């Protein structure tokens, strides 16, 4: 699977939407799927995984590996998310991570969107 800047841009835009609205769902996935087709990806090849992690800012910086491991393990423990990762026809992926303040005590919310498609 190869990284793709177009898919990264779509993933980042969805992170921004979730951060700005508080809507932490797959809202608008149909439009993102259409956009990938408009960008030359195979129709019906679109899939996405979302994840969220609330932690202290210092933890996010100093323990990046543990935070990432927690997110990936969450996806691998979920049948649907794992299937998205393992679909062999997904030749491209875009992964975006965004961090936003979350209440007091220097806590942050990490938004992660990974989009899969085939070109």
C-alpha atoms as a PDB file:
ATOM      1  CA  UNK A   1       0.000   0.000   0.000  1.00  0.00           C
ATOM      2  CA  UNK A   2       1.395   3.394  -1.006  1.00  0.00           C
ATOM      3  CA  UNK A   3       0.817   6.751   0.682  1.00  0.00           C
ATOM      4  CA  UNK A   4      -1.289   9.181  -1.329  1.00  0.00           C
ATOM      5  CA  UNK A   5      -1.387  12.973  -0.916  1.00  0.00           C
ATOM      6  CA  UNK A   6      -4.925  13.286  -2.305  1.00  0.00           C
ATOM      7  CA  UNK A   7      -6.221  10.805   0.269  1.00  0.00           C
ATOM      8  CA  UNK A   8      -4.187  12.555   2.982  1.00  0.00           C
ATOM      9  CA  UNK A   9      -5.915  15.833   2.086  1.00  0.00           C
ATOM     10  CA  UNK A  10      -9.361  14.236   2.314  1.00  0.00           C
ATOM     11  CA  UNK A  11      -8.469  12.617   5.657  1.00  0.00           C
ATOM     12  CA  UNK A  12      -7.146  15.911   7.047  1.00  0.00           C
ATOM     13  CA  UNK A  13     -10.280  17.760   5.940  1.00  0.00           C
ATOM     14  CA  UNK A  14     -12.426  15.202   7.779  1.00  0.00           C
ATOM     15  CA  UNK A  15     -10.302  15.595  10.933  1.00  0.00           C
ATOM     16  CA  UNK A  16     -10.852  19.362  10.724  1.00  0.00           C
ATOM     17  CA  UNK A  17     -14.606  18.825  10.280  1.00  0.00           C
ATOM     18  CA  UNK A  18     -14.767  16.548  13.338  1.00  0.00           C
ATOM     19  CA  UNK A  19     -12.657  18.932  15.428  1.00  0.00           C
ATOM     20  CA  UNK A  20     -14.700  21.983  14.427  1.00  0.00           C
ATOM     21  CA  UNK A  21     -18.143  20.384  14.830  1.00  0.00           C
ATOM     22  CA  UNK A  22     -17.589  17.810  17.570  1.00  0.00           C
ATOM     23  CA  UNK A  23     -19.174  15.209  15.261  1.00  0.00           C
ATOM     24  CA  UNK A  24     -16.871  12.198  15.655  1.00  0.00           C
ATOM     25  CA  UNK A  25     -18.604   9.968  13.150  1.00  0.00           C
ATOM     26  CA  UNK A  26     -18.287   8.912   9.530  1.00  0.00           C
ATOM     27  CA  UNK A  27     -20.631  11.772   8.581  1.00  0.00           C
ATOM     28  CA  UNK A  28     -20.193  12.689   4.926  1.00  0.00           C
ATOM     29  CA  UNK A  29     -18.407   9.491   3.910  1.00  0.00           C
ATOM     30  CA  UNK A  30     -20.549   9.310   0.756  1.00  0.00           C
ATOM     31  CA  UNK A  31     -19.197  12.681  -0.407  1.00  0.00           C
ATOM     32  CA  UNK A  32     -15.624  11.675   0.412  1.00  0.00           C
ATOM     33  CA  UNK A  33     -16.133   8.467  -1.566  1.00  0.00           C
ATOM     34  CA  UNK A  34     -17.434  10.460  -4.550  1.00  0.00           C
ATOM     35  CA  UNK A  35     -14.459  12.799  -4.266  1.00  0.00           C
ATOM     36  CA  UNK A  36     -12.011   9.898  -4.482  1.00  0.00           C
ATOM     37  CA  UNK A  37     -13.752   8.714  -7.656  1.00  0.00           C
ATOM     38  CA  UNK A  38     -13.556  12.273  -9.067  1.00  0.00           C
ATOM     39  CA  UNK A  39      -9.803  12.183  -8.326  1.00  0.00           C
ATOM     40  CA  UNK A  40      -9.344   9.021 -10.408  1.00  0.00           C
ATOM     41  CA  UNK A  41      -9.649   6.300  -7.790  1.00  0.00           C
ATOM     42  CA  UNK A  42     -11.619   3.157  -8.606  1.00  0.00           C
ATOM     43  CA  UNK A  43     -15.346   3.491  -7.904  1.00  0.00           C
ATOM     44  CA  UNK A  44     -16.484   1.609  -4.787  1.00  0.00           C
ATOM     45  CA  UNK A  45     -12.911   1.148  -3.537  1.00  0.00           C
ATOM     46  CA  UNK A  46     -13.300   3.759  -0.754  1.00  0.00           C
ATOM     47  CA  UNK A  47     -13.023   2.831   2.925  1.00  0.00           C
ATOM     48  CA  UNK A  48     -12.095   4.799   6.028  1.00  0.00           C
ATOM     49  CA  UNK A  49     -11.089   4.221   9.626  1.00  0.00           C
ATOM     50  CA  UNK A  50     -11.502   6.809  12.384  1.00  0.00           C
ATOM     51  CA  UNK A  51      -9.952   6.887  15.836  1.00  0.00           C
ATOM     52  CA  UNK A  52      -9.809   9.259  18.784  1.00  0.00           C
ATOM     53  CA  UNK A  53      -7.526   9.379  21.767  1.00  0.00           C
ATOM     54  CA  UNK A  54      -7.783  11.730  24.730  1.00  0.00           C
ATOM     55  CA  UNK A  55      -4.579  12.219  26.668  1.00  0.00           C
ATOM     56  CA  UNK A  56      -2.274  14.801  28.202  1.00  0.00           C
ATOM     57  CA  UNK A  57      -0.324  16.909  25.721  1.00  0.00           C
ATOM     58  CA  UNK A  58       2.975  15.824  27.246  1.00  0.00           C
ATOM     59  CA  UNK A  59       1.925  12.179  26.893  1.00  0.00           C
ATOM     60  CA  UNK A  60       1.044  12.745  23.224  1.00  0.00           C
ATOM     61  CA  UNK A  61       4.505  14.181  22.623  1.00  0.00           C
ATOM     62  CA  UNK A  62       6.654  11.906  24.773  1.00  0.00           C
ATOM     63  CA  UNK A  63       4.743   8.653  24.296  1.00  0.00           C
ATOM     64  CA  UNK A  64       3.855   8.864  20.619  1.00  0.00           C
ATOM     65  CA  UNK A  65       4.617   5.202  19.998  1.00  0.00           C
ATOM     66  CA  UNK A  66       2.214   4.057  22.735  1.00  0.00           C
ATOM     67  CA  UNK A  67      -0.543   6.380  21.491  1.00  0.00           C
ATOM     68  CA  UNK A  68      -0.147   5.135  17.903  1.00  0.00           C
ATOM     69  CA  UNK A  69      -0.008   1.517  19.083  1.00  0.00           C
ATOM     70  CA  UNK A  70      -3.243   2.011  21.016  1.00  0.00           C
ATOM     71  CA  UNK A  71      -5.020   3.392  17.942  1.00  0.00           C
ATOM     72  CA  UNK A  72      -3.766   0.669  15.595  1.00  0.00           C
ATOM     73  CA  UNK A  73      -4.593  -2.084  18.100  1.00  0.00           C
ATOM     74  CA  UNK A  74      -8.104  -0.659  18.404  1.00  0.00           C
ATOM     75  CA  UNK A  75      -8.517  -0.949  14.641  1.00  0.00           C
ATOM     76  CA  UNK A  76      -7.086  -4.474  14.550  1.00  0.00           C
ATOM     77  CA  UNK A  77      -9.442  -5.550  17.355  1.00  0.00           C
ATOM     78  CA  UNK A  78     -12.452  -4.332  15.337  1.00  0.00           C
ATOM     79  CA  UNK A  79     -13.592  -6.635  12.536  1.00  0.00           C
ATOM     80  CA  UNK A  80     -14.701  -3.842  10.184  1.00  0.00           C
ATOM     81  CA  UNK A  81     -11.646  -1.661  10.719  1.00  0.00           C
ATOM     82  CA  UNK A  82      -9.317  -4.636  10.343  1.00  0.00           C
ATOM     83  CA  UNK A  83     -11.029  -5.612   7.075  1.00  0.00           C
ATOM     84  CA  UNK A  84     -10.446  -2.089   5.725  1.00  0.00           C
ATOM     85  CA  UNK A  85      -6.734  -2.424   6.479  1.00  0.00           C
ATOM     86  CA  UNK A  86      -6.439  -5.910   4.991  1.00  0.00           C
ATOM     87  CA  UNK A  87      -8.383  -5.471   1.731  1.00  0.00           C
ATOM     88  CA  UNK A  88      -5.775  -6.325  -0.910  1.00  0.00           C
ATOM     89  CA  UNK A  89      -7.276  -4.070  -3.573  1.00  0.00           C
ATOM     90  CA  UNK A  90      -6.574  -0.979  -1.466  1.00  0.00           C
ATOM     91  CA  UNK A  91      -3.361   0.135  -3.144  1.00  0.00           C
ATOM     92  CA  UNK A  92      -3.304   3.656  -1.678  1.00  0.00           C
ATOM     93  CA  UNK A  93      -3.828   5.228   1.722  1.00  0.00           C
ATOM     94  CA  UNK A  94      -3.934   8.650   3.287  1.00  0.00           C
ATOM     95  CA  UNK A  95      -3.530   9.005   7.048  1.00  0.00           C
ATOM     96  CA  UNK A  96      -4.027  12.271   8.910  1.00  0.00           C
ATOM     97  CA  UNK A  97      -3.635  13.065  12.585  1.00  0.00           C
ATOM     98  CA  UNK A  98      -4.883  16.269  14.219  1.00  0.00           C
ATOM     99  CA  UNK A  99      -4.623  17.444  17.813  1.00  0.00           C
ATOM    100  CA  UNK A 100      -7.029  19.823  19.557  1.00  0.00           C
ATOM    101  CA  UNK A 101      -7.263  21.132  23.131  1.00  0.00           C
ATOM    102  CA  UNK A 102      -9.698  19.170  25.288  1.00  0.00           C
ATOM    103  CA  UNK A 103     -10.703  20.798  28.538  1.00  0.00           C
ATOM    104  CA  UNK A 104      -8.398  21.688  31.376  1.00  0.00           C
ATOM    105  CA  UNK A 105      -5.154  20.175  32.623  1.00  0.00           C
ATOM    106  CA  UNK A 106      -3.354  20.355  29.238  1.00  0.00           C
ATOM    107  CA  UNK A 107      -5.451  17.507  27.833  1.00  0.00           C
ATOM    108  CA  UNK A 108      -5.759  17.058  24.084  1.00  0.00           C
ATOM    109  CA  UNK A 109      -7.945  15.043  21.764  1.00  0.00           C
ATOM    110  CA  UNK A 110      -6.140  13.314  18.915  1.00  0.00           C
ATOM    111  CA  UNK A 111      -8.200  12.725  15.767  1.00  0.00           C
ATOM    112  CA  UNK A 112      -6.997  10.111  13.289  1.00  0.00           C
ATOM    113  CA  UNK A 113      -8.552   9.396   9.895  1.00  0.00           C
ATOM    114  CA  UNK A 114      -7.159   6.816   7.486  1.00  0.00           C
ATOM    115  CA  UNK A 115      -8.641   6.555   4.014  1.00  0.00           C
ATOM    116  CA  UNK A 116      -8.104   3.618   1.680  1.00  0.00           C
ATOM    117  CA  UNK A 117      -8.730   3.438  -2.072  1.00  0.00           C
ATOM    118  CA  UNK A 118      -7.403   1.932  -5.288  1.00  0.00           C
ATOM    119  CA  UNK A 119      -6.020   3.912  -8.202  1.00  0.00           C
END
